[in-house]
N, C-alpha and C. Protein backbone atom coordinates (compact mmCIF):
# COMPACT_ATOMS: atom_id res chain seq x y z
N MET A 1 0.92 -1.22 -0.08
CA MET A 1 -0.18 -0.04 -0.26
C MET A 1 0.89 1.29 -0.01
N LEU A 2 1.98 1.37 0.62
CA LEU A 2 2.85 2.24 1.08
C LEU A 2 3.40 2.76 -0.44
N GLN A 3 3.72 1.98 -1.24
CA GLN A 3 4.73 2.32 -2.23
C GLN A 3 3.70 3.19 -3.30
N ASP A 4 2.27 2.97 -3.22
CA ASP A 4 1.55 3.73 -3.99
C ASP A 4 1.60 5.09 -3.69
N LEU A 5 2.05 5.51 -2.58
CA LEU A 5 2.24 7.11 -2.01
C LEU A 5 3.60 7.94 -2.52
N LEU A 6 4.39 6.89 -2.95
CA LEU A 6 5.93 7.29 -3.31
C LEU A 6 6.34 6.76 -4.29
N PRO A 7 7.53 7.88 -4.95
CA PRO A 7 8.32 7.57 -6.23
C PRO A 7 8.83 6.47 -6.10
N SER A 8 8.97 5.84 -7.60
CA SER A 8 9.87 4.84 -7.55
C SER A 8 11.28 4.62 -7.37
N SER A 9 11.83 5.82 -6.92
CA SER A 9 13.06 5.83 -6.30
C SER A 9 13.07 5.52 -4.69
N VAL A 10 11.64 5.47 -4.03
CA VAL A 10 11.80 5.03 -2.74
C VAL A 10 11.37 3.76 -2.72
N VAL A 11 12.13 2.78 -1.73
CA VAL A 11 11.80 1.43 -1.65
C VAL A 11 11.01 1.39 -0.42
N THR A 12 10.16 0.25 -0.38
CA THR A 12 9.49 0.11 0.75
C THR A 12 9.24 -0.76 1.31
N ALA A 13 8.97 -1.22 2.42
CA ALA A 13 8.58 -2.72 3.07
C ALA A 13 7.69 -2.98 4.20
N GLU A 14 6.86 -3.68 4.10
CA GLU A 14 5.62 -3.59 5.08
C GLU A 14 5.73 -4.67 5.85
N ALA A 15 4.77 -4.93 6.93
CA ALA A 15 4.54 -6.30 7.80
C ALA A 15 3.07 -6.05 8.25
N PHE A 16 2.23 -7.15 8.20
CA PHE A 16 1.01 -6.60 9.09
C PHE A 16 1.06 -7.59 10.20
N ALA A 17 1.95 -8.28 10.88
CA ALA A 17 1.89 -8.81 11.77
C ALA A 17 3.35 -9.13 12.22
N ASP A 18 3.31 -9.42 13.55
CA ASP A 18 5.00 -9.73 14.44
C ASP A 18 5.04 -11.14 14.58
N ASP A 19 6.11 -11.35 14.52
CA ASP A 19 6.43 -12.70 15.07
C ASP A 19 6.95 -12.67 16.39
N PRO A 20 6.17 -13.04 17.27
CA PRO A 20 6.60 -13.25 18.51
C PRO A 20 7.73 -13.50 18.98
N GLY A 21 8.30 -14.48 18.44
CA GLY A 21 9.66 -14.94 18.89
C GLY A 21 10.99 -14.46 18.32
N GLU A 22 10.65 -13.08 17.50
CA GLU A 22 11.62 -12.62 16.69
C GLU A 22 12.26 -11.81 17.89
N PRO A 23 14.02 -12.29 17.61
CA PRO A 23 14.88 -11.32 18.67
C PRO A 23 14.90 -9.76 17.85
N CYS A 24 15.59 -9.26 18.85
CA CYS A 24 16.50 -7.68 18.51
C CYS A 24 17.60 -8.25 17.53
N PHE A 25 17.42 -7.18 16.62
CA PHE A 25 18.80 -7.36 15.90
C PHE A 25 20.08 -7.00 16.73
N PRO A 26 21.31 -7.64 16.86
CA PRO A 26 22.30 -7.22 17.61
C PRO A 26 22.58 -5.76 17.52
N GLY A 27 22.80 -5.15 18.50
CA GLY A 27 23.39 -3.76 18.52
C GLY A 27 22.13 -2.77 18.83
N GLU A 28 20.59 -3.60 18.75
CA GLU A 28 19.70 -2.53 19.27
C GLU A 28 18.76 -3.03 20.45
N GLU A 29 19.14 -3.99 21.21
CA GLU A 29 18.42 -4.60 22.21
C GLU A 29 18.56 -3.71 23.48
N ASP A 30 19.67 -2.97 23.50
CA ASP A 30 19.46 -1.86 24.50
C ASP A 30 18.29 -0.82 24.46
N LEU A 31 17.92 -0.47 22.75
CA LEU A 31 17.05 0.73 22.52
C LEU A 31 15.55 0.46 23.32
N VAL A 32 15.07 -1.02 23.65
CA VAL A 32 14.01 -1.68 24.16
C VAL A 32 14.33 -2.59 25.16
N ALA A 33 15.23 -2.51 26.00
CA ALA A 33 15.54 -3.05 27.03
C ALA A 33 14.16 -2.91 28.20
N THR A 34 13.78 -1.87 28.19
CA THR A 34 12.79 -1.68 29.59
C THR A 34 11.24 -1.75 28.88
N ALA A 35 11.39 -2.03 27.41
CA ALA A 35 9.85 -1.65 26.92
C ALA A 35 8.71 -2.81 27.22
N VAL A 36 7.80 -2.55 26.98
CA VAL A 36 6.70 -3.43 27.06
C VAL A 36 6.91 -4.70 25.96
N ASP A 37 5.93 -5.73 26.01
CA ASP A 37 6.36 -6.60 24.99
C ASP A 37 5.66 -6.00 23.67
N GLY A 38 4.58 -5.44 23.75
CA GLY A 38 3.85 -5.27 22.55
C GLY A 38 4.90 -3.67 21.59
N ARG A 39 5.45 -2.99 22.49
CA ARG A 39 6.42 -1.81 21.95
C ARG A 39 7.33 -2.61 21.43
N ARG A 40 8.15 -3.73 22.13
CA ARG A 40 8.90 -4.61 21.52
C ARG A 40 9.19 -5.01 20.36
N ARG A 41 7.81 -5.65 20.55
CA ARG A 41 7.48 -6.48 19.09
C ARG A 41 7.26 -5.65 17.92
N GLU A 42 6.54 -4.38 18.10
CA GLU A 42 6.80 -3.51 17.02
C GLU A 42 7.89 -2.89 16.68
N PHE A 43 8.63 -2.72 17.54
CA PHE A 43 10.16 -2.11 17.20
C PHE A 43 10.88 -2.73 16.43
N VAL A 44 10.92 -4.34 17.06
CA VAL A 44 11.76 -5.35 16.10
C VAL A 44 11.11 -5.44 15.08
N THR A 45 9.85 -5.59 14.55
CA THR A 45 9.22 -5.94 13.20
C THR A 45 9.56 -5.10 12.21
N ALA A 46 9.16 -3.22 12.74
CA ALA A 46 9.88 -2.38 11.81
C ALA A 46 11.03 -2.02 11.17
N ARG A 47 12.14 -2.81 12.46
CA ARG A 47 13.18 -2.45 12.19
C ARG A 47 13.71 -3.85 11.06
N ARG A 48 13.01 -4.75 11.19
CA ARG A 48 13.47 -5.79 10.17
C ARG A 48 12.93 -5.09 8.77
N CYS A 49 11.62 -4.29 8.73
CA CYS A 49 11.16 -3.80 7.37
C CYS A 49 12.43 -3.03 6.92
N ALA A 50 12.79 -2.01 8.16
CA ALA A 50 14.08 -1.21 7.32
C ALA A 50 15.35 -1.75 6.51
N ARG A 51 15.51 -2.91 7.43
CA ARG A 51 16.49 -3.71 6.83
C ARG A 51 16.34 -4.25 5.93
N GLU A 52 14.77 -4.88 5.59
CA GLU A 52 14.60 -5.29 4.11
C GLU A 52 14.64 -4.24 3.02
N ALA A 53 14.01 -3.07 3.39
CA ALA A 53 14.08 -1.73 2.11
C ALA A 53 16.01 -1.52 2.26
N LEU A 54 16.62 -1.71 2.91
CA LEU A 54 17.78 -1.17 2.88
C LEU A 54 18.63 -2.07 1.73
N ALA A 55 18.53 -3.43 2.20
CA ALA A 55 18.76 -4.49 1.46
C ALA A 55 18.69 -4.39 -0.08
N ARG A 56 17.63 -3.94 -0.26
CA ARG A 56 17.05 -3.36 -1.88
C ARG A 56 18.03 -2.42 -2.23
N LEU A 57 18.41 -1.39 -1.39
CA LEU A 57 19.51 -0.08 -2.10
C LEU A 57 20.58 -0.68 -2.17
N GLY A 58 21.08 -2.06 -1.46
CA GLY A 58 22.43 -2.42 -1.63
C GLY A 58 23.04 -2.45 -0.33
N PHE A 59 22.28 -2.00 0.75
CA PHE A 59 22.97 -2.22 1.95
C PHE A 59 22.88 -3.15 2.93
N GLY A 60 24.15 -3.54 3.36
CA GLY A 60 24.19 -4.83 4.27
C GLY A 60 23.20 -4.64 5.62
N PRO A 61 23.11 -5.83 6.60
CA PRO A 61 22.32 -5.77 7.65
C PRO A 61 23.21 -4.88 8.61
N ALA A 62 22.68 -3.99 9.32
CA ALA A 62 23.24 -3.65 10.48
C ALA A 62 22.37 -2.85 11.37
N PRO A 63 22.99 -2.63 12.82
CA PRO A 63 21.92 -1.93 13.72
C PRO A 63 21.20 -0.63 13.04
N ILE A 64 19.92 -0.45 13.65
CA ILE A 64 19.22 1.08 12.93
C ILE A 64 19.33 1.69 14.25
N ARG A 65 20.51 2.60 14.76
CA ARG A 65 20.08 3.06 16.01
C ARG A 65 19.39 4.47 16.19
N SER A 66 18.83 4.81 17.43
CA SER A 66 18.02 6.05 17.31
C SER A 66 18.62 7.19 17.81
N GLY A 67 18.08 8.53 17.26
CA GLY A 67 18.79 9.73 17.41
C GLY A 67 18.12 10.09 18.88
N PRO A 68 18.18 11.77 19.03
CA PRO A 68 17.62 12.14 20.10
C PRO A 68 16.72 12.22 20.11
N ARG A 69 15.84 12.28 19.25
CA ARG A 69 14.24 12.40 19.36
C ARG A 69 13.71 10.96 18.99
N ARG A 70 14.55 10.31 19.26
CA ARG A 70 14.37 8.58 18.90
C ARG A 70 13.80 8.20 17.22
N GLU A 71 14.35 9.17 16.27
CA GLU A 71 14.36 8.84 15.03
C GLU A 71 15.17 7.93 14.74
N PRO A 72 15.00 7.29 13.55
CA PRO A 72 16.19 6.31 13.15
C PRO A 72 17.24 6.65 12.43
N VAL A 73 18.51 6.35 12.65
CA VAL A 73 19.39 6.72 11.97
C VAL A 73 19.98 5.81 10.91
N TRP A 74 20.06 6.65 9.91
CA TRP A 74 19.96 5.67 8.66
C TRP A 74 21.59 5.62 8.20
N PRO A 75 22.27 4.88 7.27
CA PRO A 75 23.21 4.99 6.95
C PRO A 75 23.83 6.00 6.11
N ALA A 76 24.98 6.32 6.14
CA ALA A 76 24.97 7.70 5.43
C ALA A 76 24.71 7.34 3.63
N GLY A 77 24.10 8.75 3.48
CA GLY A 77 23.31 8.35 2.15
C GLY A 77 22.17 7.97 1.68
N VAL A 78 21.33 7.67 2.96
CA VAL A 78 20.24 7.48 2.75
C VAL A 78 19.40 8.20 3.76
N ALA A 79 18.23 8.74 3.19
CA ALA A 79 16.99 9.18 3.78
C ALA A 79 15.94 8.22 3.81
N GLY A 80 15.20 8.16 5.10
CA GLY A 80 14.31 6.98 5.23
C GLY A 80 13.43 7.57 6.38
N SER A 81 12.40 6.32 6.52
CA SER A 81 11.23 6.57 7.53
C SER A 81 11.05 5.28 7.87
N ILE A 82 10.28 5.76 9.49
CA ILE A 82 9.56 3.97 9.86
C ILE A 82 8.40 4.71 10.46
N THR A 83 7.28 3.79 10.65
CA THR A 83 6.06 3.86 10.99
C THR A 83 5.34 2.68 11.26
N HIS A 84 4.84 2.59 12.55
CA HIS A 84 3.80 1.33 13.18
C HIS A 84 2.86 1.81 14.03
N CYS A 85 2.04 0.95 13.39
CA CYS A 85 0.29 1.28 14.37
C CYS A 85 -0.05 -0.26 14.35
N ALA A 86 -1.38 -0.46 15.42
CA ALA A 86 -1.82 -1.86 15.29
C ALA A 86 -2.01 -2.35 14.00
N GLY A 87 -1.41 -3.44 13.74
CA GLY A 87 -1.75 -4.17 12.68
C GLY A 87 -0.62 -3.95 11.14
N TYR A 88 0.22 -3.08 11.76
CA TYR A 88 0.79 -2.42 10.19
C TYR A 88 2.15 -2.00 10.72
N ARG A 89 3.12 -2.34 10.08
CA ARG A 89 4.71 -1.60 10.38
C ARG A 89 4.76 -1.50 8.82
N ALA A 90 6.02 -0.28 8.90
CA ALA A 90 6.54 -0.06 7.62
C ALA A 90 7.69 0.54 7.93
N ALA A 91 8.27 0.32 6.37
CA ALA A 91 9.70 1.45 6.24
C ALA A 91 9.79 1.73 4.98
N ALA A 92 10.48 3.02 4.76
CA ALA A 92 10.52 3.59 3.13
C ALA A 92 12.12 4.16 3.56
N VAL A 93 12.92 4.24 2.37
CA VAL A 93 14.27 4.33 2.46
C VAL A 93 14.71 4.75 0.75
N ALA A 94 15.43 6.07 0.64
CA ALA A 94 16.06 6.27 -0.68
C ALA A 94 17.26 6.82 -0.74
N ARG A 95 17.97 6.75 -1.70
CA ARG A 95 19.16 7.41 -1.69
C ARG A 95 19.11 9.11 -1.74
N VAL A 96 19.80 9.77 -1.08
CA VAL A 96 19.91 11.18 -0.81
C VAL A 96 20.09 11.85 -2.38
N THR A 97 20.43 10.99 -2.97
CA THR A 97 20.65 11.46 -4.38
C THR A 97 19.63 11.57 -5.16
N ASP A 98 18.76 10.75 -4.56
CA ASP A 98 17.12 11.12 -5.27
C ASP A 98 15.92 11.55 -4.60
N VAL A 99 16.03 11.33 -3.18
CA VAL A 99 15.28 11.96 -2.36
C VAL A 99 15.99 12.71 -0.93
N VAL A 100 15.46 14.29 -1.34
CA VAL A 100 16.61 15.12 0.33
C VAL A 100 16.10 14.21 1.94
N SER A 101 14.44 13.83 1.75
CA SER A 101 14.44 13.69 2.82
C SER A 101 12.90 12.75 2.87
N LEU A 102 12.30 11.94 3.53
CA LEU A 102 11.05 11.53 3.52
C LEU A 102 10.27 11.36 4.49
N GLY A 103 8.90 11.16 4.79
CA GLY A 103 8.19 10.74 6.09
C GLY A 103 7.08 10.01 5.76
N ILE A 104 6.83 9.25 6.43
CA ILE A 104 5.72 7.87 6.30
C ILE A 104 4.88 8.09 7.78
N ASP A 105 3.56 7.97 7.93
CA ASP A 105 2.97 7.48 8.86
C ASP A 105 1.34 6.81 8.53
N ALA A 106 1.39 5.89 9.20
CA ALA A 106 0.51 4.90 9.49
C ALA A 106 -0.81 5.37 10.58
N GLU A 107 -1.77 5.32 10.53
CA GLU A 107 -2.64 5.42 11.71
C GLU A 107 -3.82 4.28 11.75
N PRO A 108 -4.37 3.95 12.60
CA PRO A 108 -6.06 3.18 12.48
C PRO A 108 -7.12 4.35 11.74
N HIS A 109 -7.52 3.71 10.92
CA HIS A 109 -8.88 4.36 10.23
C HIS A 109 -10.13 4.73 11.35
N ALA A 110 -9.74 5.60 12.30
CA ALA A 110 -10.83 5.68 13.59
C ALA A 110 -10.75 7.09 13.81
N PRO A 111 -11.92 7.90 14.63
CA PRO A 111 -11.68 8.76 14.91
C PRO A 111 -10.59 9.39 16.03
N LEU A 112 -9.76 10.42 15.65
CA LEU A 112 -9.12 10.88 16.88
C LEU A 112 -9.73 11.13 18.23
N PRO A 113 -9.59 11.07 19.40
CA PRO A 113 -10.01 11.06 20.49
C PRO A 113 -10.36 12.56 20.56
N SER A 114 -11.67 12.99 21.50
CA SER A 114 -11.71 14.53 21.37
C SER A 114 -10.90 15.18 21.80
N ARG A 115 -10.23 14.98 22.88
CA ARG A 115 -9.42 15.62 23.66
C ARG A 115 -8.23 16.02 22.81
N VAL A 116 -7.61 15.12 21.98
CA VAL A 116 -6.62 15.35 21.15
C VAL A 116 -6.59 16.14 20.06
N LEU A 117 -7.74 16.57 19.58
CA LEU A 117 -7.91 17.28 18.16
C LEU A 117 -7.73 18.42 18.53
N PRO A 118 -7.63 19.36 19.49
CA PRO A 118 -7.46 20.59 19.61
C PRO A 118 -6.05 20.90 20.00
N ALA A 119 -5.40 20.07 20.17
CA ALA A 119 -3.80 19.96 20.81
C ALA A 119 -3.14 19.67 19.06
N VAL A 120 -3.66 19.42 18.25
CA VAL A 120 -3.11 18.90 17.03
C VAL A 120 -3.39 19.57 15.67
N THR A 121 -4.28 20.56 15.93
CA THR A 121 -4.78 21.17 14.87
C THR A 121 -4.76 23.15 15.10
N THR A 122 -4.83 23.54 13.91
CA THR A 122 -5.04 24.98 14.09
C THR A 122 -6.55 25.55 13.87
N PRO A 123 -6.72 26.64 14.16
CA PRO A 123 -8.20 27.02 13.76
C PRO A 123 -8.65 26.78 12.33
N GLY A 124 -7.53 26.99 11.72
CA GLY A 124 -8.07 26.81 10.14
C GLY A 124 -7.99 25.27 9.62
N ASP A 125 -7.33 24.58 10.33
CA ASP A 125 -7.32 23.07 10.25
C ASP A 125 -8.69 22.76 10.55
N ARG A 126 -9.38 23.38 11.55
CA ARG A 126 -10.52 22.59 12.10
C ARG A 126 -11.47 23.35 11.23
N GLU A 127 -11.53 24.32 10.50
CA GLU A 127 -12.45 24.34 9.78
C GLU A 127 -12.23 23.83 8.20
N HIS A 128 -11.08 23.60 7.97
CA HIS A 128 -11.18 22.27 6.48
C HIS A 128 -11.29 21.37 6.80
N LEU A 129 -11.26 20.71 8.19
CA LEU A 129 -11.89 19.22 8.34
C LEU A 129 -13.48 19.12 8.40
N ALA A 130 -14.00 20.45 9.01
CA ALA A 130 -15.64 20.49 8.92
C ALA A 130 -15.92 20.39 7.47
N ASP A 131 -15.26 21.23 6.42
CA ASP A 131 -15.54 21.18 5.31
C ASP A 131 -15.55 19.53 4.58
N LEU A 132 -14.43 19.08 5.02
CA LEU A 132 -13.82 17.77 4.06
C LEU A 132 -15.11 16.75 4.60
N ALA A 133 -15.23 16.87 5.98
CA ALA A 133 -16.45 16.23 6.70
C ALA A 133 -17.55 16.36 5.81
N ALA A 134 -18.42 17.39 5.63
CA ALA A 134 -19.26 17.49 4.93
C ALA A 134 -19.43 16.94 3.49
N GLN A 135 -18.06 17.20 2.70
CA GLN A 135 -18.19 16.61 1.70
C GLN A 135 -18.28 14.84 1.70
N ASP A 136 -17.25 14.37 2.27
CA ASP A 136 -17.18 12.93 2.55
C ASP A 136 -17.17 12.47 3.97
N PRO A 137 -18.35 12.15 4.65
CA PRO A 137 -18.60 11.70 5.96
C PRO A 137 -17.63 10.31 6.28
N ALA A 138 -17.71 9.41 5.12
CA ALA A 138 -16.97 8.50 5.30
C ALA A 138 -15.67 8.35 5.85
N VAL A 139 -14.55 9.46 5.86
CA VAL A 139 -13.14 9.35 6.04
C VAL A 139 -13.34 10.03 7.30
N HIS A 140 -12.31 9.60 8.34
CA HIS A 140 -11.95 10.30 9.69
C HIS A 140 -10.97 10.99 9.18
N TRP A 141 -11.31 12.41 8.65
CA TRP A 141 -10.52 13.46 8.15
C TRP A 141 -9.42 13.72 9.52
N ASP A 142 -9.83 13.89 10.77
CA ASP A 142 -8.88 14.52 11.73
C ASP A 142 -7.92 13.20 12.08
N ARG A 143 -7.85 11.84 11.85
CA ARG A 143 -7.06 11.17 11.85
C ARG A 143 -6.16 11.34 10.46
N LEU A 144 -6.55 11.57 9.58
CA LEU A 144 -5.76 12.12 8.17
C LEU A 144 -5.01 13.39 8.53
N LEU A 145 -5.59 13.94 8.79
CA LEU A 145 -4.57 15.20 9.25
C LEU A 145 -3.68 15.08 10.27
N PHE A 146 -4.04 14.04 11.30
CA PHE A 146 -2.80 13.92 12.47
C PHE A 146 -1.68 13.27 11.77
N SER A 147 -1.99 12.03 10.70
CA SER A 147 -1.03 11.22 10.10
C SER A 147 -0.48 11.67 9.32
N ALA A 148 -0.79 12.76 8.33
CA ALA A 148 -0.07 13.92 7.55
C ALA A 148 0.87 14.61 8.47
N LYS A 149 0.37 15.48 9.63
CA LYS A 149 1.29 16.02 9.97
C LYS A 149 2.39 15.08 10.67
N GLU A 150 2.23 14.27 11.16
CA GLU A 150 3.50 13.43 11.35
C GLU A 150 4.47 12.88 10.33
N ALA A 151 3.52 12.47 9.28
CA ALA A 151 4.71 12.45 8.20
C ALA A 151 5.43 13.78 7.74
N VAL A 152 4.92 14.90 7.86
CA VAL A 152 5.26 16.01 7.59
C VAL A 152 6.68 16.13 8.55
N TYR A 153 6.45 16.20 9.92
CA TYR A 153 7.46 16.06 10.82
C TYR A 153 8.71 15.32 10.63
N LYS A 154 8.22 13.97 10.42
CA LYS A 154 9.42 13.15 9.98
C LYS A 154 10.18 13.31 8.92
N ALA A 155 9.64 14.48 8.06
CA ALA A 155 10.57 14.44 6.51
C ALA A 155 11.49 16.05 7.04
N TRP A 156 10.67 16.84 8.03
CA TRP A 156 11.39 17.84 8.21
C TRP A 156 12.34 17.91 9.06
N TYR A 157 12.31 17.30 10.09
CA TYR A 157 13.05 17.18 11.29
C TYR A 157 14.76 16.89 10.70
N PRO A 158 14.73 15.60 10.21
CA PRO A 158 16.27 15.24 9.68
C PRO A 158 16.97 16.17 8.90
N VAL A 159 16.59 17.11 8.54
CA VAL A 159 17.13 18.36 7.48
C VAL A 159 17.05 19.47 8.62
N THR A 160 16.57 19.81 9.29
CA THR A 160 16.58 21.02 10.04
C THR A 160 17.19 20.73 11.67
N ARG A 161 16.96 19.35 11.96
CA ARG A 161 16.82 19.12 13.46
C ARG A 161 16.37 19.99 14.51
N ARG A 162 15.74 20.64 14.11
CA ARG A 162 14.47 21.36 14.92
C ARG A 162 13.28 20.64 15.09
N TRP A 163 12.54 21.20 16.55
CA TRP A 163 11.17 20.53 16.88
C TRP A 163 9.85 21.38 15.80
N LEU A 164 9.10 20.83 15.22
CA LEU A 164 7.87 21.31 14.35
C LEU A 164 6.67 21.00 15.24
N GLY A 165 6.03 21.72 15.96
CA GLY A 165 4.86 21.63 16.88
C GLY A 165 3.79 21.37 15.51
N PHE A 166 2.42 20.69 16.28
CA PHE A 166 1.57 20.59 15.36
C PHE A 166 0.61 21.82 14.59
N ASP A 167 0.92 22.96 15.61
CA ASP A 167 0.16 24.05 15.31
C ASP A 167 1.60 25.08 14.31
N ASP A 168 2.37 24.48 14.39
CA ASP A 168 3.62 25.08 13.19
C ASP A 168 3.22 24.74 11.69
N ALA A 169 2.35 24.04 11.44
CA ALA A 169 1.95 23.78 10.38
C ALA A 169 0.38 23.62 10.03
N SER A 170 -0.20 24.34 9.00
CA SER A 170 -1.67 24.17 8.49
C SER A 170 -1.75 23.00 7.11
N LEU A 171 -2.62 22.44 7.20
CA LEU A 171 -2.84 21.65 6.42
C LEU A 171 -4.01 21.76 5.14
N THR A 172 -3.58 21.35 4.20
CA THR A 172 -5.08 21.53 3.06
C THR A 172 -4.71 20.18 2.47
N VAL A 173 -5.97 19.62 2.47
CA VAL A 173 -6.12 18.21 1.97
C VAL A 173 -6.88 18.18 0.50
N ASP A 174 -6.24 17.68 -0.16
CA ASP A 174 -7.25 17.41 -1.60
C ASP A 174 -7.75 16.41 -1.67
N ARG A 175 -9.05 16.01 -1.38
CA ARG A 175 -9.87 14.51 -1.25
C ARG A 175 -9.93 13.97 -2.41
N VAL A 176 -10.01 14.42 -3.56
CA VAL A 176 -10.03 14.12 -4.85
C VAL A 176 -9.03 13.12 -5.31
N ARG A 177 -7.93 14.09 -5.35
CA ARG A 177 -6.52 13.46 -5.87
C ARG A 177 -5.73 12.88 -4.75
N GLY A 178 -6.04 12.95 -3.47
CA GLY A 178 -5.31 11.89 -2.47
C GLY A 178 -4.06 12.36 -2.17
N THR A 179 -3.96 13.97 -2.21
CA THR A 179 -2.86 14.80 -1.72
C THR A 179 -3.10 15.93 -0.52
N PHE A 180 -1.71 16.23 -0.22
CA PHE A 180 -2.43 17.39 0.92
C PHE A 180 -0.47 18.11 0.82
N ALA A 181 -1.18 19.54 1.27
CA ALA A 181 0.26 20.50 1.61
C ALA A 181 0.23 20.85 2.97
N ALA A 182 1.51 20.87 3.30
CA ALA A 182 1.40 21.40 4.69
C ALA A 182 2.20 22.73 4.64
N ARG A 183 1.86 23.69 5.01
CA ARG A 183 2.27 25.18 5.13
C ARG A 183 2.64 25.29 6.14
N ILE A 184 4.18 25.80 6.44
CA ILE A 184 5.05 25.78 7.66
C ILE A 184 4.99 27.10 8.07
N HIS A 185 4.56 27.36 9.29
CA HIS A 185 4.65 28.75 10.03
C HIS A 185 5.84 29.48 10.38
N ILE A 186 6.89 28.62 10.88
CA ILE A 186 7.94 29.19 11.65
C ILE A 186 9.04 28.74 10.47
N GLU A 187 10.55 29.51 10.71
CA GLU A 187 11.47 29.40 9.64
C GLU A 187 11.56 27.95 9.09
N SER A 188 11.69 27.83 7.98
CA SER A 188 11.81 26.60 7.40
C SER A 188 13.14 26.59 6.10
N PRO A 189 13.47 25.46 5.57
CA PRO A 189 13.91 25.46 4.38
C PRO A 189 13.05 25.32 3.34
N TRP A 190 11.77 24.89 3.50
CA TRP A 190 10.74 24.99 2.78
C TRP A 190 9.35 25.75 3.35
N PRO A 191 8.85 26.70 2.28
CA PRO A 191 7.64 26.98 2.81
C PRO A 191 6.54 26.09 3.01
N ALA A 192 6.60 25.15 2.33
CA ALA A 192 5.37 23.93 2.40
C ALA A 192 6.23 22.86 2.03
N LEU A 193 5.33 21.78 2.33
CA LEU A 193 5.82 20.44 2.32
C LEU A 193 4.58 19.67 1.74
N HIS A 194 4.86 18.75 0.76
CA HIS A 194 3.72 18.26 0.06
C HIS A 194 3.74 16.60 0.09
N GLY A 195 2.28 16.32 0.10
CA GLY A 195 2.71 14.57 0.28
C GLY A 195 1.50 13.97 -0.53
N ARG A 196 1.31 12.48 -0.24
CA ARG A 196 -0.08 11.96 -0.55
C ARG A 196 -0.56 10.82 0.52
N TRP A 197 -1.85 10.74 0.34
CA TRP A 197 -2.32 10.00 1.47
C TRP A 197 -3.63 8.75 0.66
N LEU A 198 -3.87 8.08 1.44
CA LEU A 198 -4.79 6.79 1.30
C LEU A 198 -5.47 6.32 2.46
N VAL A 199 -6.72 5.60 2.54
CA VAL A 199 -7.56 5.42 3.28
C VAL A 199 -7.65 3.61 2.60
N ALA A 200 -7.15 2.65 3.35
CA ALA A 200 -7.29 1.10 2.91
C ALA A 200 -7.04 0.39 4.21
N GLY A 201 -7.78 -0.71 3.70
CA GLY A 201 -7.68 -1.99 5.11
C GLY A 201 -7.45 -1.50 6.34
N GLY A 202 -8.43 -0.27 6.43
CA GLY A 202 -8.71 0.00 7.95
C GLY A 202 -7.53 1.12 8.33
N LEU A 203 -6.92 1.35 7.43
CA LEU A 203 -5.56 2.22 7.94
C LEU A 203 -5.60 3.63 7.00
N VAL A 204 -5.20 4.60 7.86
CA VAL A 204 -4.82 6.06 6.97
C VAL A 204 -3.32 5.83 6.96
N LEU A 205 -2.84 6.16 5.60
CA LEU A 205 -1.74 6.14 5.23
C LEU A 205 -0.91 7.66 5.01
N ALA A 206 0.07 7.98 5.23
CA ALA A 206 0.46 9.32 4.77
C ALA A 206 1.89 9.42 4.42
N ALA A 207 2.06 9.76 3.28
CA ALA A 207 3.79 9.91 2.95
C ALA A 207 4.26 11.34 2.33
N VAL A 208 5.39 11.89 2.43
CA VAL A 208 5.97 13.09 2.15
C VAL A 208 7.29 12.77 1.63
N THR A 209 7.71 13.03 0.38
CA THR A 209 8.60 13.20 -0.30
C THR A 209 9.31 14.35 -0.74
N VAL A 210 10.28 14.90 -0.07
CA VAL A 210 10.89 16.01 -0.25
C VAL A 210 12.27 15.57 -1.26
N THR A 211 12.09 16.41 -2.44
CA THR A 211 13.29 16.39 -3.49
C THR A 211 14.05 17.50 -3.79
N ASP A 212 13.30 18.68 -3.56
CA ASP A 212 14.07 20.04 -3.41
C ASP A 212 14.82 20.18 -2.75
N PRO A 213 16.41 20.54 -2.77
CA PRO A 213 17.37 20.99 -1.64
C PRO A 213 16.79 21.92 -0.56
N PRO A 214 17.20 22.22 0.60
CA PRO A 214 16.86 23.13 1.33
C PRO A 214 17.31 24.34 1.28
N ALA A 215 16.73 25.45 0.99
CA ALA A 215 16.63 27.00 0.93
C ALA A 215 17.92 27.46 1.95
N ALA A 216 18.97 28.19 1.76
CA ALA A 216 20.02 28.50 2.98
C ALA A 216 18.96 29.88 3.97
N GLN A 217 19.11 29.53 4.95
CA GLN A 217 18.52 30.46 5.87
C GLN A 217 19.13 31.36 6.09
N SER A 218 18.68 32.82 6.52
CA SER A 218 19.35 34.12 6.76
C SER A 218 19.80 33.61 8.20
């Protein structure tokens, strides 16, 4: 499913279940040493997906460590992203000669808890969600917006190394084309980031691919 949202230069790997007996890859054990069993399983499966995708780019198996914000640290010359939610794990990778940065996110296709929505949306976002719901009430647009903003952050952070809050970007969703645009409200190497989305198999998937080099900051 994920490959449908990304250019051919991006390699993906997906899993829809965990192997309960699968061990951590050597060099990653400490990253989930104190994690509960469910978190440990999703970590192991998602990291396996990442190594499968990297292998298709020609990279040998190696630990994928975590950075200061728990982001995966990729081999030199690679842009990538990992996501996991109930019943789904996935990774996407590409060479930086093809893609500057990318972000993927998967969420269950269900409404966001009502208490969460104000924390992850701007007033403009909420107006846009109301318009989308009036046009197509079958889609949980609030969950889609959340997923798209997560994908935007995952693509933005590796280049900027700065936090991007949910209220630092406003989203516009094209429900017909299956695309979205995020306008960034703080200093950014890109005024907007663009992505694609889909709803399938009880999931919401969002992906952002950045191919333009970052603009110099004054």
